[in-house]
């Protein structure tokens, strides 16, 4: 992506945060031409090409936070740091939605808190002892209440109140749906690779319950299309 676009988004994020107190959330997905982000076994390396993935690292560099769900942490053991080909780059605050604090103590998000902060949102049902262990490893733990899932509105409000003006959402299908359903997404960036994967059990970018009627589908505006070699990137904004 062009440096100008990242700078433009940063300015939009600052304006949005100033108006609402919430961070500007960008949903980033990468999928095959038939709409799959991983096989039925969870294999997802790699959907898109190296140039597309390089641009995702620029997106990380330009955002204050990067957010995933506990499912992604358990499956992929990501570091969620910024790795630019020319070196350098700012690491965003790593944010995890993890209702019951299932995050392992040996996962990179816990063992590398000296490289980048890790904040974990959970519910009141999470074990206090696990919270204590995470805090001892340098992880910030924030409880959002008693409900069975992390209250994403409270989580985003907390982020906005604590210096996070922009969030790159790289979640799995369930978290992506939950954030969309809560009307917390402002921008969508989708990388599409010209590959056909197939399989009704293959994984899609947004899962959850979904909307029941096509008329309820969320439209994008100000849509642009870019090429990254053979990959296509579609960017749009939510009203």
C-alpha atoms as a PDB file:
ATOM      1  CA  UNK A   1       0.000   0.000   0.000  1.00  0.00           C
ATOM      2  CA  UNK A   2       1.066   3.537  -0.611  1.00  0.00           C
ATOM      3  CA  UNK A   3       2.633   5.375   2.301  1.00  0.00           C
ATOM      4  CA  UNK A   4       0.106   8.147   1.695  1.00  0.00           C
ATOM      5  CA  UNK A   5      -2.779   5.752   2.340  1.00  0.00           C
ATOM      6  CA  UNK A   6      -1.320   4.684   5.678  1.00  0.00           C
ATOM      7  CA  UNK A   7      -0.774   8.312   6.687  1.00  0.00           C
ATOM      8  CA  UNK A   8      -4.331   9.164   5.591  1.00  0.00           C
ATOM      9  CA  UNK A   9      -5.726   6.316   7.683  1.00  0.00           C
ATOM     10  CA  UNK A  10      -3.686   7.460  10.668  1.00  0.00           C
ATOM     11  CA  UNK A  11      -5.185  10.938  10.401  1.00  0.00           C
ATOM     12  CA  UNK A  12      -8.679   9.443  10.075  1.00  0.00           C
ATOM     13  CA  UNK A  13      -8.001   7.327  13.163  1.00  0.00           C
ATOM     14  CA  UNK A  14      -6.932  10.327  15.214  1.00  0.00           C
ATOM     15  CA  UNK A  15     -10.042  12.229  14.151  1.00  0.00           C
ATOM     16  CA  UNK A  16     -12.331   9.293  14.872  1.00  0.00           C
ATOM     17  CA  UNK A  17     -10.752   8.744  18.283  1.00  0.00           C
ATOM     18  CA  UNK A  18     -11.082  12.416  19.145  1.00  0.00           C
ATOM     19  CA  UNK A  19     -14.797  12.399  18.190  1.00  0.00           C
ATOM     20  CA  UNK A  20     -15.818   9.102  19.789  1.00  0.00           C
ATOM     21  CA  UNK A  21     -13.161   8.085  22.296  1.00  0.00           C
ATOM     22  CA  UNK A  22     -12.958   4.697  20.542  1.00  0.00           C
ATOM     23  CA  UNK A  23     -10.091   3.404  18.395  1.00  0.00           C
ATOM     24  CA  UNK A  24     -10.440   3.312  14.610  1.00  0.00           C
ATOM     25  CA  UNK A  25     -10.661  -0.409  13.756  1.00  0.00           C
ATOM     26  CA  UNK A  26      -9.404  -1.854  10.463  1.00  0.00           C
ATOM     27  CA  UNK A  27     -10.445  -5.416   9.647  1.00  0.00           C
ATOM     28  CA  UNK A  28      -7.693  -7.098   7.634  1.00  0.00           C
ATOM     29  CA  UNK A  29      -8.336 -10.432   5.960  1.00  0.00           C
ATOM     30  CA  UNK A  30      -6.513 -12.538   3.372  1.00  0.00           C
ATOM     31  CA  UNK A  31      -8.435 -15.145   1.421  1.00  0.00           C
ATOM     32  CA  UNK A  32      -8.508 -17.273  -1.692  1.00  0.00           C
ATOM     33  CA  UNK A  33     -10.651 -16.364  -4.678  1.00  0.00           C
ATOM     34  CA  UNK A  34     -13.386 -18.640  -3.349  1.00  0.00           C
ATOM     35  CA  UNK A  35     -13.411 -16.950   0.036  1.00  0.00           C
ATOM     36  CA  UNK A  36     -11.287 -19.217   2.243  1.00  0.00           C
ATOM     37  CA  UNK A  37      -8.653 -18.161   4.770  1.00  0.00           C
ATOM     38  CA  UNK A  38      -7.560 -21.695   5.703  1.00  0.00           C
ATOM     39  CA  UNK A  39      -8.216 -25.333   4.917  1.00  0.00           C
ATOM     40  CA  UNK A  40     -10.536 -27.512   6.994  1.00  0.00           C
ATOM     41  CA  UNK A  41      -7.441 -28.614   8.957  1.00  0.00           C
ATOM     42  CA  UNK A  42      -6.502 -25.000   9.738  1.00  0.00           C
ATOM     43  CA  UNK A  43      -3.536 -24.761   7.338  1.00  0.00           C
ATOM     44  CA  UNK A  44      -3.195 -21.119   6.259  1.00  0.00           C
ATOM     45  CA  UNK A  45       0.444 -20.622   5.219  1.00  0.00           C
ATOM     46  CA  UNK A  46       0.413 -18.913   2.925  1.00  0.00           C
ATOM     47  CA  UNK A  47      -2.776 -17.608   1.341  1.00  0.00           C
ATOM     48  CA  UNK A  48      -1.268 -14.505  -0.252  1.00  0.00           C
ATOM     49  CA  UNK A  49       2.103 -13.674  -1.743  1.00  0.00           C
ATOM     50  CA  UNK A  50       5.142 -12.125  -0.095  1.00  0.00           C
ATOM     51  CA  UNK A  51       4.391  -8.593  -1.320  1.00  0.00           C
ATOM     52  CA  UNK A  52       0.906  -8.671   0.183  1.00  0.00           C
ATOM     53  CA  UNK A  53       2.288  -9.942   3.473  1.00  0.00           C
ATOM     54  CA  UNK A  54       4.924  -7.194   3.468  1.00  0.00           C
ATOM     55  CA  UNK A  55       2.167  -4.609   3.212  1.00  0.00           C
ATOM     56  CA  UNK A  56       0.384  -6.164   6.170  1.00  0.00           C
ATOM     57  CA  UNK A  57       3.510  -5.473   8.221  1.00  0.00           C
ATOM     58  CA  UNK A  58       3.315  -1.835   7.146  1.00  0.00           C
ATOM     59  CA  UNK A  59      -0.280  -1.856   8.404  1.00  0.00           C
ATOM     60  CA  UNK A  60       0.976  -3.164  11.752  1.00  0.00           C
ATOM     61  CA  UNK A  61       3.612  -0.417  11.819  1.00  0.00           C
ATOM     62  CA  UNK A  62       0.979   2.292  11.330  1.00  0.00           C
ATOM     63  CA  UNK A  63      -1.531   1.006  13.909  1.00  0.00           C
ATOM     64  CA  UNK A  64      -1.317   1.414  17.684  1.00  0.00           C
ATOM     65  CA  UNK A  65      -2.737  -2.039  18.394  1.00  0.00           C
ATOM     66  CA  UNK A  66      -3.274  -5.412  16.744  1.00  0.00           C
ATOM     67  CA  UNK A  67      -6.092  -7.673  17.924  1.00  0.00           C
ATOM     68  CA  UNK A  68      -6.748 -11.421  17.695  1.00  0.00           C
ATOM     69  CA  UNK A  69      -8.876 -13.976  19.505  1.00  0.00           C
ATOM     70  CA  UNK A  70      -7.670 -16.815  21.686  1.00  0.00           C
ATOM     71  CA  UNK A  71      -8.411 -19.314  18.893  1.00  0.00           C
ATOM     72  CA  UNK A  72      -5.770 -17.688  16.691  1.00  0.00           C
ATOM     73  CA  UNK A  73      -3.285 -17.661  19.574  1.00  0.00           C
ATOM     74  CA  UNK A  74      -3.772 -21.370  20.311  1.00  0.00           C
ATOM     75  CA  UNK A  75      -3.655 -22.434  16.659  1.00  0.00           C
ATOM     76  CA  UNK A  76      -0.912 -20.220  15.225  1.00  0.00           C
ATOM     77  CA  UNK A  77       1.174 -19.110  18.235  1.00  0.00           C
ATOM     78  CA  UNK A  78       1.721 -15.707  16.539  1.00  0.00           C
ATOM     79  CA  UNK A  79       4.176 -13.048  17.646  1.00  0.00           C
ATOM     80  CA  UNK A  80       2.164 -10.199  16.039  1.00  0.00           C
ATOM     81  CA  UNK A  81       5.251  -8.025  15.698  1.00  0.00           C
ATOM     82  CA  UNK A  82       6.260  -5.803  12.781  1.00  0.00           C
ATOM     83  CA  UNK A  83       8.872  -7.209  10.415  1.00  0.00           C
ATOM     84  CA  UNK A  84       9.723  -4.880   7.535  1.00  0.00           C
ATOM     85  CA  UNK A  85      12.086  -5.984   4.772  1.00  0.00           C
ATOM     86  CA  UNK A  86      14.249  -2.869   5.246  1.00  0.00           C
ATOM     87  CA  UNK A  87      14.309  -3.429   8.996  1.00  0.00           C
ATOM     88  CA  UNK A  88      12.885  -1.377  11.818  1.00  0.00           C
ATOM     89  CA  UNK A  89       9.204  -0.797  12.241  1.00  0.00           C
ATOM     90  CA  UNK A  90       7.041  -0.072  15.276  1.00  0.00           C
ATOM     91  CA  UNK A  91       5.494  -2.989  17.115  1.00  0.00           C
ATOM     92  CA  UNK A  92       1.830  -2.431  17.978  1.00  0.00           C
ATOM     93  CA  UNK A  93       0.348  -3.349  21.334  1.00  0.00           C
ATOM     94  CA  UNK A  94      -0.780  -6.987  21.040  1.00  0.00           C
ATOM     95  CA  UNK A  95      -4.427  -7.382  22.139  1.00  0.00           C
ATOM     96  CA  UNK A  96      -6.122 -10.729  22.787  1.00  0.00           C
ATOM     97  CA  UNK A  97      -9.792 -11.488  23.468  1.00  0.00           C
ATOM     98  CA  UNK A  98      -9.623 -14.497  25.785  1.00  0.00           C
ATOM     99  CA  UNK A  99     -12.695 -14.969  27.975  1.00  0.00           C
ATOM    100  CA  UNK A 100     -11.214 -17.628  30.290  1.00  0.00           C
ATOM    101  CA  UNK A 101      -7.488 -16.786  30.058  1.00  0.00           C
ATOM    102  CA  UNK A 102      -6.599 -19.926  28.129  1.00  0.00           C
ATOM    103  CA  UNK A 103      -3.522 -18.224  26.674  1.00  0.00           C
ATOM    104  CA  UNK A 104      -0.467 -20.452  27.356  1.00  0.00           C
ATOM    105  CA  UNK A 105       2.375 -19.012  29.404  1.00  0.00           C
ATOM    106  CA  UNK A 106       4.906 -20.236  26.814  1.00  0.00           C
ATOM    107  CA  UNK A 107       3.264 -18.621  23.795  1.00  0.00           C
ATOM    108  CA  UNK A 108       5.272 -15.821  22.086  1.00  0.00           C
ATOM    109  CA  UNK A 109       2.724 -13.174  23.089  1.00  0.00           C
ATOM    110  CA  UNK A 110       3.583 -13.900  26.732  1.00  0.00           C
ATOM    111  CA  UNK A 111       7.310 -14.602  26.453  1.00  0.00           C
ATOM    112  CA  UNK A 112       8.162 -11.507  24.366  1.00  0.00           C
ATOM    113  CA  UNK A 113       6.516  -8.696  26.330  1.00  0.00           C
ATOM    114  CA  UNK A 114       9.874  -6.900  26.407  1.00  0.00           C
ATOM    115  CA  UNK A 115       9.566  -6.503  22.612  1.00  0.00           C
ATOM    116  CA  UNK A 116       5.934  -5.353  22.539  1.00  0.00           C
ATOM    117  CA  UNK A 117       3.172  -4.995  25.139  1.00  0.00           C
ATOM    118  CA  UNK A 118       0.507  -7.694  25.388  1.00  0.00           C
ATOM    119  CA  UNK A 119      -2.939  -6.873  26.765  1.00  0.00           C
ATOM    120  CA  UNK A 120      -5.479  -9.658  27.349  1.00  0.00           C
ATOM    121  CA  UNK A 121      -9.196  -9.008  27.822  1.00  0.00           C
ATOM    122  CA  UNK A 122     -11.110 -11.651  29.763  1.00  0.00           C
ATOM    123  CA  UNK A 123     -14.319 -12.100  31.764  1.00  0.00           C
ATOM    124  CA  UNK A 124     -14.815 -12.374  35.509  1.00  0.00           C
ATOM    125  CA  UNK A 125     -14.946 -16.160  35.098  1.00  0.00           C
ATOM    126  CA  UNK A 126     -11.202 -16.322  34.360  1.00  0.00           C
ATOM    127  CA  UNK A 127      -9.061 -17.815  37.125  1.00  0.00           C
ATOM    128  CA  UNK A 128      -7.331 -15.216  39.355  1.00  0.00           C
ATOM    129  CA  UNK A 129      -4.272 -17.470  39.625  1.00  0.00           C
ATOM    130  CA  UNK A 130      -3.817 -17.476  35.841  1.00  0.00           C
ATOM    131  CA  UNK A 131      -4.178 -13.708  35.814  1.00  0.00           C
ATOM    132  CA  UNK A 132      -1.448 -13.451  38.459  1.00  0.00           C
ATOM    133  CA  UNK A 133       0.879 -15.652  36.391  1.00  0.00           C
ATOM    134  CA  UNK A 134       0.315 -13.570  33.275  1.00  0.00           C
ATOM    135  CA  UNK A 135       0.920 -10.320  35.144  1.00  0.00           C
ATOM    136  CA  UNK A 136       4.180 -11.760  36.464  1.00  0.00           C
ATOM    137  CA  UNK A 137       5.196 -12.318  32.817  1.00  0.00           C
ATOM    138  CA  UNK A 138       4.498  -8.664  31.990  1.00  0.00           C
ATOM    139  CA  UNK A 139       1.031  -9.137  30.473  1.00  0.00           C
ATOM    140  CA  UNK A 140      -1.733  -6.636  31.266  1.00  0.00           C
ATOM    141  CA  UNK A 141      -5.044  -8.369  32.052  1.00  0.00           C
ATOM    142  CA  UNK A 142      -8.341  -6.461  31.826  1.00  0.00           C
ATOM    143  CA  UNK A 143     -11.666  -7.951  32.908  1.00  0.00           C
ATOM    144  CA  UNK A 144     -14.801  -6.792  31.078  1.00  0.00           C
ATOM    145  CA  UNK A 145     -17.539  -8.251  33.276  1.00  0.00           C
ATOM    146  CA  UNK A 146     -19.488 -11.393  33.994  1.00  0.00           C
ATOM    147  CA  UNK A 147     -20.863 -12.273  30.614  1.00  0.00           C
ATOM    148  CA  UNK A 148     -19.776 -15.462  28.842  1.00  0.00           C
ATOM    149  CA  UNK A 149     -17.705 -13.555  26.288  1.00  0.00           C
ATOM    150  CA  UNK A 150     -15.424 -10.544  26.367  1.00  0.00           C
ATOM    151  CA  UNK A 151     -17.483  -7.369  26.151  1.00  0.00           C
ATOM    152  CA  UNK A 152     -15.939  -5.915  23.012  1.00  0.00           C
ATOM    153  CA  UNK A 153     -17.529  -2.493  23.431  1.00  0.00           C
ATOM    154  CA  UNK A 154     -15.984  -2.191  26.901  1.00  0.00           C
ATOM    155  CA  UNK A 155     -12.685  -3.486  25.528  1.00  0.00           C
ATOM    156  CA  UNK A 156     -12.578  -0.915  22.735  1.00  0.00           C
ATOM    157  CA  UNK A 157     -13.585   1.849  25.135  1.00  0.00           C
ATOM    158  CA  UNK A 158     -10.724   0.844  27.440  1.00  0.00           C
ATOM    159  CA  UNK A 159      -8.286   0.858  24.525  1.00  0.00           C
ATOM    160  CA  UNK A 160      -9.383   4.322  23.464  1.00  0.00           C
ATOM    161  CA  UNK A 161      -9.021   5.614  27.000  1.00  0.00           C
ATOM    162  CA  UNK A 162      -5.508   4.200  27.248  1.00  0.00           C
ATOM    163  CA  UNK A 163      -3.794   5.632  24.200  1.00  0.00           C
ATOM    164  CA  UNK A 164      -4.800   3.141  21.493  1.00  0.00           C
ATOM    165  CA  UNK A 165      -6.240   5.286  18.695  1.00  0.00           C
ATOM    166  CA  UNK A 166      -6.179   2.593  15.982  1.00  0.00           C
ATOM    167  CA  UNK A 167      -6.520  -1.201  15.975  1.00  0.00           C
ATOM    168  CA  UNK A 168      -5.678  -3.673  13.221  1.00  0.00           C
ATOM    169  CA  UNK A 169      -8.064  -6.601  13.604  1.00  0.00           C
ATOM    170  CA  UNK A 170      -6.414  -9.838  12.432  1.00  0.00           C
ATOM    171  CA  UNK A 171      -8.809 -12.175  14.161  1.00  0.00           C
ATOM    172  CA  UNK A 172     -10.342 -15.448  13.158  1.00  0.00           C
ATOM    173  CA  UNK A 173     -13.846 -15.746  11.784  1.00  0.00           C
ATOM    174  CA  UNK A 174     -15.670 -15.665  15.121  1.00  0.00           C
ATOM    175  CA  UNK A 175     -13.904 -12.581  16.500  1.00  0.00           C
ATOM    176  CA  UNK A 176     -14.275 -10.801  13.161  1.00  0.00           C
ATOM    177  CA  UNK A 177     -18.011 -11.476  13.225  1.00  0.00           C
ATOM    178  CA  UNK A 178     -18.373 -10.377  16.851  1.00  0.00           C
ATOM    179  CA  UNK A 179     -16.591  -7.060  16.206  1.00  0.00           C
ATOM    180  CA  UNK A 180     -18.638  -6.496  13.034  1.00  0.00           C
ATOM    181  CA  UNK A 181     -21.895  -7.328  14.818  1.00  0.00           C
ATOM    182  CA  UNK A 182     -21.002  -4.817  17.530  1.00  0.00           C
ATOM    183  CA  UNK A 183     -20.547  -2.103  14.843  1.00  0.00           C
ATOM    184  CA  UNK A 184     -16.950  -1.482  15.888  1.00  0.00           C
ATOM    185  CA  UNK A 185     -15.270  -1.723  12.457  1.00  0.00           C
ATOM    186  CA  UNK A 186     -14.545   1.400  10.393  1.00  0.00           C
ATOM    187  CA  UNK A 187     -12.368   0.065   7.563  1.00  0.00           C
ATOM    188  CA  UNK A 188     -11.941  -3.240   5.720  1.00  0.00           C
ATOM    189  CA  UNK A 189      -8.838  -4.354   3.832  1.00  0.00           C
ATOM    190  CA  UNK A 190      -9.110  -7.703   2.045  1.00  0.00           C
ATOM    191  CA  UNK A 191      -6.266  -9.355   0.158  1.00  0.00           C
ATOM    192  CA  UNK A 192      -7.491 -11.883  -2.418  1.00  0.00           C
ATOM    193  CA  UNK A 193      -5.177 -14.497  -3.907  1.00  0.00           C
ATOM    194  CA  UNK A 194      -6.102 -16.086  -7.279  1.00  0.00           C
ATOM    195  CA  UNK A 195      -6.351 -19.570  -5.782  1.00  0.00           C
ATOM    196  CA  UNK A 196      -9.252 -21.985  -5.471  1.00  0.00           C
ATOM    197  CA  UNK A 197      -9.336 -24.056  -2.288  1.00  0.00           C
ATOM    198  CA  UNK A 198     -12.846 -25.446  -2.081  1.00  0.00           C
ATOM    199  CA  UNK A 199     -14.301 -27.452   0.773  1.00  0.00           C
ATOM    200  CA  UNK A 200     -17.451 -26.628   2.700  1.00  0.00           C
ATOM    201  CA  UNK A 201     -15.480 -27.076   5.933  1.00  0.00           C
ATOM    202  CA  UNK A 202     -12.713 -24.690   4.852  1.00  0.00           C
ATOM    203  CA  UNK A 203     -12.527 -21.570   7.005  1.00  0.00           C
ATOM    204  CA  UNK A 204     -13.970 -18.210   5.978  1.00  0.00           C
ATOM    205  CA  UNK A 205     -12.909 -14.701   7.070  1.00  0.00           C
ATOM    206  CA  UNK A 206     -16.133 -13.963   8.975  1.00  0.00           C
ATOM    207  CA  UNK A 207     -18.141 -16.748  10.563  1.00  0.00           C
ATOM    208  CA  UNK A 208     -20.458 -16.553  13.555  1.00  0.00           C
ATOM    209  CA  UNK A 209     -24.199 -16.466  13.079  1.00  0.00           C
ATOM    210  CA  UNK A 210     -24.117 -14.061  10.164  1.00  0.00           C
ATOM    211  CA  UNK A 211     -26.992 -11.925   8.953  1.00  0.00           C
ATOM    212  CA  UNK A 212     -30.214 -13.700   7.989  1.00  0.00           C
ATOM    213  CA  UNK A 213     -31.033 -11.599   4.927  1.00  0.00           C
ATOM    214  CA  UNK A 214     -28.926 -10.225   2.089  1.00  0.00           C
ATOM    215  CA  UNK A 215     -30.507  -6.859   2.735  1.00  0.00           C
ATOM    216  CA  UNK A 216     -28.744  -6.753   6.103  1.00  0.00           C
ATOM    217  CA  UNK A 217     -25.270  -7.250   4.592  1.00  0.00           C
ATOM    218  CA  UNK A 218     -22.910  -4.426   5.554  1.00  0.00           C
ATOM    219  CA  UNK A 219     -22.006  -2.322   2.493  1.00  0.00           C
ATOM    220  CA  UNK A 220     -18.654  -0.615   1.972  1.00  0.00           C
ATOM    221  CA  UNK A 221     -18.137   2.837   0.508  1.00  0.00           C
ATOM    222  CA  UNK A 222     -15.176   4.654  -1.070  1.00  0.00           C
ATOM    223  CA  UNK A 223     -13.909   1.318  -2.370  1.00  0.00           C
ATOM    224  CA  UNK A 224     -10.480   1.089  -4.005  1.00  0.00           C
ATOM    225  CA  UNK A 225      -8.679  -1.818  -5.676  1.00  0.00           C
ATOM    226  CA  UNK A 226      -4.909  -2.365  -5.793  1.00  0.00           C
ATOM    227  CA  UNK A 227      -2.649  -5.053  -7.239  1.00  0.00           C
ATOM    228  CA  UNK A 228       0.198  -6.748  -5.392  1.00  0.00           C
ATOM    229  CA  UNK A 229       1.603  -8.804  -8.237  1.00  0.00           C
ATOM    230  CA  UNK A 230      -1.062 -11.476  -8.794  1.00  0.00           C
ATOM    231  CA  UNK A 231      -2.944 -10.642  -5.581  1.00  0.00           C
ATOM    232  CA  UNK A 232      -5.762  -8.104  -5.423  1.00  0.00           C
ATOM    233  CA  UNK A 233      -6.452  -5.866  -2.439  1.00  0.00           C
ATOM    234  CA  UNK A 234      -9.912  -4.343  -1.916  1.00  0.00           C
ATOM    235  CA  UNK A 235     -10.232  -1.527   0.612  1.00  0.00           C
ATOM    236  CA  UNK A 236     -13.448   0.122   1.756  1.00  0.00           C
ATOM    237  CA  UNK A 237     -15.025   1.972   4.658  1.00  0.00           C
ATOM    238  CA  UNK A 238     -18.156   1.329   6.698  1.00  0.00           C
ATOM    239  CA  UNK A 239     -20.742   4.050   7.040  1.00  0.00           C
END
